[in-house]
Structures are given as structure tokens and as C-alpha cells.
Amino acid sequence: MFYAVLLALAVVLFDQVSKLYIEAHMSVGSSVPVVNNVFHITLVLNPGAAFGILEHQQWFFIVVALLLFAAVAFFYRRLALLSQTLRLGVALFVGGALGNLIDRIRLGCVVDFFDFRIWPVFNVADTAIVLGVGLIGWGMLQLSEAKKDEVR
């Protein structure tokens, strides 16, 4: 479990340092092409969730994130019993959620900057959340398959 906590903290640190760097060196709306017309660094302040849904609902997101952290803290000992895949997924998810929560409390919105031009702009925390959800899903499938094998 120590490594899961360390991973979550590393995600938060990388997320916040990258956002602070972008904020210090760019103005909102400015864009720097990394690979022209494919990948840019574009500073966007997102008042909603993924794809801009639930705009300006900061208190909703803050409360949901705090409830999530309370649930993880409550079930912390049980998390140690989960597969490594599930622990990794939870760590990535929690680290990403905490990174975006810090933005919401600090700014009232989330700092996004990875811009693939054909997809909404996102950040390190969003990436960790998506990877975490994917690993949690995969871990649940593995768990389900293991239970089926026990029955056979």
C-alpha cells in the first residue's frame, strides 16, 4: 500500500508542478505547437469536468472529491487486500482527482494544457484518472474471471 500512496502523491506533484509551470509561462488561450496541427501546449481554464460538462459547479466537484477521499481513507486497509492492478488504478485515480481538486480550490477551475487538436484539452491529472479507471475496470474483470474459475 505504501507504493500506492507514493504513486498518488507523485501524480499530484507532477500534475501541480506542470500546471504551475504552464501558468507561469503562458497566458490563457495562448498555444505553442509541439507538432504543428497535431499536438500543442494550450493554456485553458476549465470551469467544468471532462468536455466542459457541469460548468461552474465547483462545489459539486469539491464535495464529490472529498467524499471519494473519505471513502478511500475508510476502506484503506481493505485496499491492501486488492490485486496490484486495482491498487494501481485506485492510486492513479485518487492522485488525479486530488490534483484537479487542488485547482478547483485554488482557482475555481482546472488548468488544462495538453492539446491534441481533435480532442478536448486535458492535463496530467485527467490522464491519471482515465488510466486509473481503465486499470480499475481491468482489475475488476480479472477478479471476476478468478471468481468464475473458483466456481468451476
C-alpha atoms as a PDB file:
ATOM      1  CA  MET A   1       0.000   0.000   0.000  1.00  0.00           C
ATOM      2  CA  PHE A   2       2.956   2.290   0.630  1.00  0.00           C
ATOM      3  CA  TYR A   3       3.740   2.328  -3.088  1.00  0.00           C
ATOM      4  CA  ALA A   4       0.137   3.153  -3.983  1.00  0.00           C
ATOM      5  CA  VAL A   5       0.214   6.188  -1.687  1.00  0.00           C
ATOM      6  CA  LEU A   6       3.598   7.175  -3.108  1.00  0.00           C
ATOM      7  CA  LEU A   7       2.232   6.890  -6.668  1.00  0.00           C
ATOM      8  CA  ALA A   8      -0.818   9.024  -5.824  1.00  0.00           C
ATOM      9  CA  LEU A   9       1.445  11.686  -4.302  1.00  0.00           C
ATOM     10  CA  ALA A  10       3.774  11.552  -7.342  1.00  0.00           C
ATOM     11  CA  VAL A  11       0.783  12.123  -9.647  1.00  0.00           C
ATOM     12  CA  VAL A  12      -0.301  15.141  -7.579  1.00  0.00           C
ATOM     13  CA  LEU A  13       3.226  16.556  -7.550  1.00  0.00           C
ATOM     14  CA  PHE A  14       3.794  16.091 -11.306  1.00  0.00           C
ATOM     15  CA  ASP A  15       0.332  17.473 -12.068  1.00  0.00           C
ATOM     16  CA  GLN A  16       0.701  20.574  -9.905  1.00  0.00           C
ATOM     17  CA  VAL A  17       4.288  21.352 -10.953  1.00  0.00           C
ATOM     18  CA  SER A  18       3.357  21.046 -14.645  1.00  0.00           C
ATOM     19  CA  LYS A  19       0.327  23.319 -14.175  1.00  0.00           C
ATOM     20  CA  LEU A  20       2.288  25.923 -12.219  1.00  0.00           C
ATOM     21  CA  TYR A  21       4.983  25.937 -14.900  1.00  0.00           C
ATOM     22  CA  ILE A  22       2.442  26.393 -17.709  1.00  0.00           C
ATOM     23  CA  GLU A  23       0.605  29.133 -15.760  1.00  0.00           C
ATOM     24  CA  ALA A  24       3.877  30.985 -15.138  1.00  0.00           C
ATOM     25  CA  HIS A  25       4.994  30.882 -18.772  1.00  0.00           C
ATOM     26  CA  MET A  26       1.782  31.214 -20.786  1.00  0.00           C
ATOM     27  CA  SER A  27      -1.328  33.364 -20.858  1.00  0.00           C
ATOM     28  CA  VAL A  28      -4.819  31.863 -21.000  1.00  0.00           C
ATOM     29  CA  GLY A  29      -5.713  30.913 -24.562  1.00  0.00           C
ATOM     30  CA  SER A  30      -2.152  31.018 -25.869  1.00  0.00           C
ATOM     31  CA  SER A  31      -0.890  27.961 -27.716  1.00  0.00           C
ATOM     32  CA  VAL A  32       2.569  26.649 -28.590  1.00  0.00           C
ATOM     33  CA  PRO A  33       2.792  23.999 -31.318  1.00  0.00           C
ATOM     34  CA  VAL A  34       4.919  20.990 -30.395  1.00  0.00           C
ATOM     35  CA  VAL A  35       3.951  19.051 -33.539  1.00  0.00           C
ATOM     36  CA  ASN A  36       2.167  21.526 -35.797  1.00  0.00           C
ATOM     37  CA  ASN A  37      -1.571  20.815 -36.185  1.00  0.00           C
ATOM     38  CA  VAL A  38      -1.200  17.611 -34.139  1.00  0.00           C
ATOM     39  CA  PHE A  39      -0.091  18.437 -30.599  1.00  0.00           C
ATOM     40  CA  HIS A  40       0.083  21.850 -28.933  1.00  0.00           C
ATOM     41  CA  ILE A  41       0.511  23.146 -25.409  1.00  0.00           C
ATOM     42  CA  THR A  42      -2.536  25.394 -24.944  1.00  0.00           C
ATOM     43  CA  LEU A  43      -3.450  27.010 -21.629  1.00  0.00           C
ATOM     44  CA  VAL A  44      -7.163  26.605 -20.902  1.00  0.00           C
ATOM     45  CA  LEU A  45      -9.010  27.192 -17.623  1.00  0.00           C
ATOM     46  CA  ASN A  46     -11.799  24.624 -17.463  1.00  0.00           C
ATOM     47  CA  PRO A  47     -14.713  25.531 -15.140  1.00  0.00           C
ATOM     48  CA  GLY A  48     -16.386  22.138 -15.701  1.00  0.00           C
ATOM     49  CA  ALA A  49     -15.484  18.480 -15.890  1.00  0.00           C
ATOM     50  CA  ALA A  50     -14.308  16.472 -18.874  1.00  0.00           C
ATOM     51  CA  PHE A  51     -15.503  18.002 -22.143  1.00  0.00           C
ATOM     52  CA  GLY A  52     -16.798  21.044 -20.234  1.00  0.00           C
ATOM     53  CA  ILE A  53     -19.813  19.286 -18.692  1.00  0.00           C
ATOM     54  CA  LEU A  54     -21.232  20.724 -15.457  1.00  0.00           C
ATOM     55  CA  GLU A  55     -19.566  24.100 -15.976  1.00  0.00           C
ATOM     56  CA  HIS A  56     -19.206  26.319 -12.911  1.00  0.00           C
ATOM     57  CA  GLN A  57     -20.224  23.563 -10.468  1.00  0.00           C
ATOM     58  CA  GLN A  58     -17.036  23.792  -8.371  1.00  0.00           C
ATOM     59  CA  TRP A  59     -18.768  22.981  -5.084  1.00  0.00           C
ATOM     60  CA  PHE A  60     -20.267  19.836  -6.583  1.00  0.00           C
ATOM     61  CA  PHE A  61     -16.825  18.647  -7.729  1.00  0.00           C
ATOM     62  CA  ILE A  62     -15.199  19.571  -4.423  1.00  0.00           C
ATOM     63  CA  VAL A  63     -17.824  17.691  -2.386  1.00  0.00           C
ATOM     64  CA  VAL A  64     -17.646  14.619  -4.656  1.00  0.00           C
ATOM     65  CA  ALA A  65     -13.833  14.582  -4.443  1.00  0.00           C
ATOM     66  CA  LEU A  66     -13.893  14.928  -0.651  1.00  0.00           C
ATOM     67  CA  LEU A  67     -16.416  12.071  -0.389  1.00  0.00           C
ATOM     68  CA  LEU A  68     -14.165   9.958  -2.606  1.00  0.00           C
ATOM     69  CA  PHE A  69     -11.143  10.651  -0.398  1.00  0.00           C
ATOM     70  CA  ALA A  70     -13.186   9.855   2.717  1.00  0.00           C
ATOM     71  CA  ALA A  71     -14.254   6.524   1.189  1.00  0.00           C
ATOM     72  CA  VAL A  72     -10.674   5.637   0.231  1.00  0.00           C
ATOM     73  CA  ALA A  73      -9.471   6.535   3.743  1.00  0.00           C
ATOM     74  CA  PHE A  74     -12.286   4.486   5.314  1.00  0.00           C
ATOM     75  CA  PHE A  75     -11.511   1.433   3.155  1.00  0.00           C
ATOM     76  CA  TYR A  76      -7.727   1.939   3.218  1.00  0.00           C
ATOM     77  CA  ARG A  77      -6.979  -1.350   4.997  1.00  0.00           C
ATOM     78  CA  ARG A  78      -9.219  -3.276   2.612  1.00  0.00           C
ATOM     79  CA  LEU A  79      -7.446  -1.720  -0.378  1.00  0.00           C
ATOM     80  CA  ALA A  80      -4.296  -3.551   0.699  1.00  0.00           C
ATOM     81  CA  LEU A  81      -6.145  -6.820   0.043  1.00  0.00           C
ATOM     82  CA  LEU A  82      -6.935  -5.908  -3.561  1.00  0.00           C
ATOM     83  CA  SER A  83      -4.914  -7.024  -6.548  1.00  0.00           C
ATOM     84  CA  GLN A  84      -1.943  -4.938  -7.576  1.00  0.00           C
ATOM     85  CA  THR A  85      -3.852  -3.819 -10.680  1.00  0.00           C
ATOM     86  CA  LEU A  86      -6.735  -2.477  -8.578  1.00  0.00           C
ATOM     87  CA  ARG A  87      -4.398  -0.738  -6.115  1.00  0.00           C
ATOM     88  CA  LEU A  88      -2.523   0.886  -9.002  1.00  0.00           C
ATOM     89  CA  GLY A  89      -5.814   2.023 -10.559  1.00  0.00           C
ATOM     90  CA  VAL A  90      -7.096   3.481  -7.294  1.00  0.00           C
ATOM     91  CA  ALA A  91      -3.768   5.263  -6.703  1.00  0.00           C
ATOM     92  CA  LEU A  92      -3.810   6.864 -10.169  1.00  0.00           C
ATOM     93  CA  PHE A  93      -7.474   7.826  -9.837  1.00  0.00           C
ATOM     94  CA  VAL A  94      -7.041   9.351  -6.374  1.00  0.00           C
ATOM     95  CA  GLY A  95      -3.857  11.205  -7.385  1.00  0.00           C
ATOM     96  CA  GLY A  96      -5.591  12.677 -10.433  1.00  0.00           C
ATOM     97  CA  ALA A  97      -8.719  13.603  -8.508  1.00  0.00           C
ATOM     98  CA  LEU A  98      -6.627  15.297  -5.822  1.00  0.00           C
ATOM     99  CA  GLY A  99      -4.631  17.222  -8.448  1.00  0.00           C
ATOM    100  CA  ASN A 100      -7.802  18.611 -10.002  1.00  0.00           C
ATOM    101  CA  LEU A 101      -9.330  19.263  -6.556  1.00  0.00           C
ATOM    102  CA  ILE A 102      -6.359  21.453  -5.660  1.00  0.00           C
ATOM    103  CA  ASP A 103      -7.009  23.507  -8.823  1.00  0.00           C
ATOM    104  CA  ARG A 104     -10.716  23.868  -8.037  1.00  0.00           C
ATOM    105  CA  ILE A 105      -9.978  25.090  -4.519  1.00  0.00           C
ATOM    106  CA  ARG A 106      -7.088  27.330  -5.627  1.00  0.00           C
ATOM    107  CA  LEU A 107      -8.598  28.783  -8.823  1.00  0.00           C
ATOM    108  CA  GLY A 108     -12.253  27.764  -9.048  1.00  0.00           C
ATOM    109  CA  CYS A 109     -11.432  25.862 -12.247  1.00  0.00           C
ATOM    110  CA  VAL A 110      -8.969  23.290 -13.592  1.00  0.00           C
ATOM    111  CA  VAL A 111      -5.823  24.146 -15.575  1.00  0.00           C
ATOM    112  CA  ASP A 112      -5.649  22.133 -18.819  1.00  0.00           C
ATOM    113  CA  PHE A 113      -2.867  22.298 -21.406  1.00  0.00           C
ATOM    114  CA  PHE A 114      -2.343  19.082 -23.432  1.00  0.00           C
ATOM    115  CA  ASP A 115      -3.990  19.871 -26.763  1.00  0.00           C
ATOM    116  CA  PHE A 116      -4.182  17.194 -29.468  1.00  0.00           C
ATOM    117  CA  ARG A 117      -6.403  19.478 -31.582  1.00  0.00           C
ATOM    118  CA  ILE A 118      -9.016  16.748 -32.257  1.00  0.00           C
ATOM    119  CA  TRP A 119      -9.746  16.186 -28.570  1.00  0.00           C
ATOM    120  CA  PRO A 120     -10.622  18.484 -25.663  1.00  0.00           C
ATOM    121  CA  VAL A 121      -7.607  19.962 -23.847  1.00  0.00           C
ATOM    122  CA  PHE A 122      -6.605  17.976 -20.734  1.00  0.00           C
ATOM    123  CA  ASN A 123      -3.877  17.698 -18.079  1.00  0.00           C
ATOM    124  CA  VAL A 124      -1.718  15.213 -16.149  1.00  0.00           C
ATOM    125  CA  ALA A 125      -4.444  14.629 -13.531  1.00  0.00           C
ATOM    126  CA  ASP A 126      -7.023  13.839 -16.226  1.00  0.00           C
ATOM    127  CA  THR A 127      -4.609  11.329 -17.763  1.00  0.00           C
ATOM    128  CA  ALA A 128      -4.082   9.653 -14.379  1.00  0.00           C
ATOM    129  CA  ILE A 129      -7.851   9.489 -13.782  1.00  0.00           C
ATOM    130  CA  VAL A 130      -8.508   7.857 -17.168  1.00  0.00           C
ATOM    131  CA  LEU A 131      -5.653   5.362 -16.712  1.00  0.00           C
ATOM    132  CA  GLY A 132      -6.843   4.664 -13.161  1.00  0.00           C
ATOM    133  CA  VAL A 133     -10.422   3.981 -14.256  1.00  0.00           C
ATOM    134  CA  GLY A 134      -9.105   1.709 -17.015  1.00  0.00           C
ATOM    135  CA  LEU A 135      -6.964  -0.253 -14.559  1.00  0.00           C
ATOM    136  CA  ILE A 136      -9.820  -0.495 -12.053  1.00  0.00           C
ATOM    137  CA  GLY A 137     -12.046  -1.883 -14.810  1.00  0.00           C
ATOM    138  CA  TRP A 138      -9.369  -4.338 -15.902  1.00  0.00           C
ATOM    139  CA  GLY A 139      -8.728  -5.371 -12.295  1.00  0.00           C
ATOM    140  CA  MET A 140     -12.451  -5.943 -11.741  1.00  0.00           C
ATOM    141  CA  LEU A 141     -12.569  -8.147 -14.854  1.00  0.00           C
ATOM    142  CA  GLN A 142      -9.581 -10.132 -13.573  1.00  0.00           C
ATOM    143  CA  LEU A 143     -11.290 -10.526 -10.207  1.00  0.00           C
ATOM    144  CA  SER A 144     -14.498 -11.644 -11.906  1.00  0.00           C
ATOM    145  CA  GLU A 145     -12.622 -14.210 -14.006  1.00  0.00           C
ATOM    146  CA  ALA A 146     -10.795 -15.529 -10.932  1.00  0.00           C
ATOM    147  CA  LYS A 147     -14.123 -15.991  -9.117  1.00  0.00           C
ATOM    148  CA  LYS A 148     -15.554 -17.847 -12.140  1.00  0.00           C
ATOM    149  CA  ASP A 149     -12.522 -20.161 -12.122  1.00  0.00           C
ATOM    150  CA  GLU A 150     -13.099 -20.876  -8.403  1.00  0.00           C
ATOM    151  CA  VAL A 151     -16.672 -21.951  -9.144  1.00  0.00           C
ATOM    152  CA  ARG A 152     -15.583 -24.313 -11.936  1.00  0.00           C
END
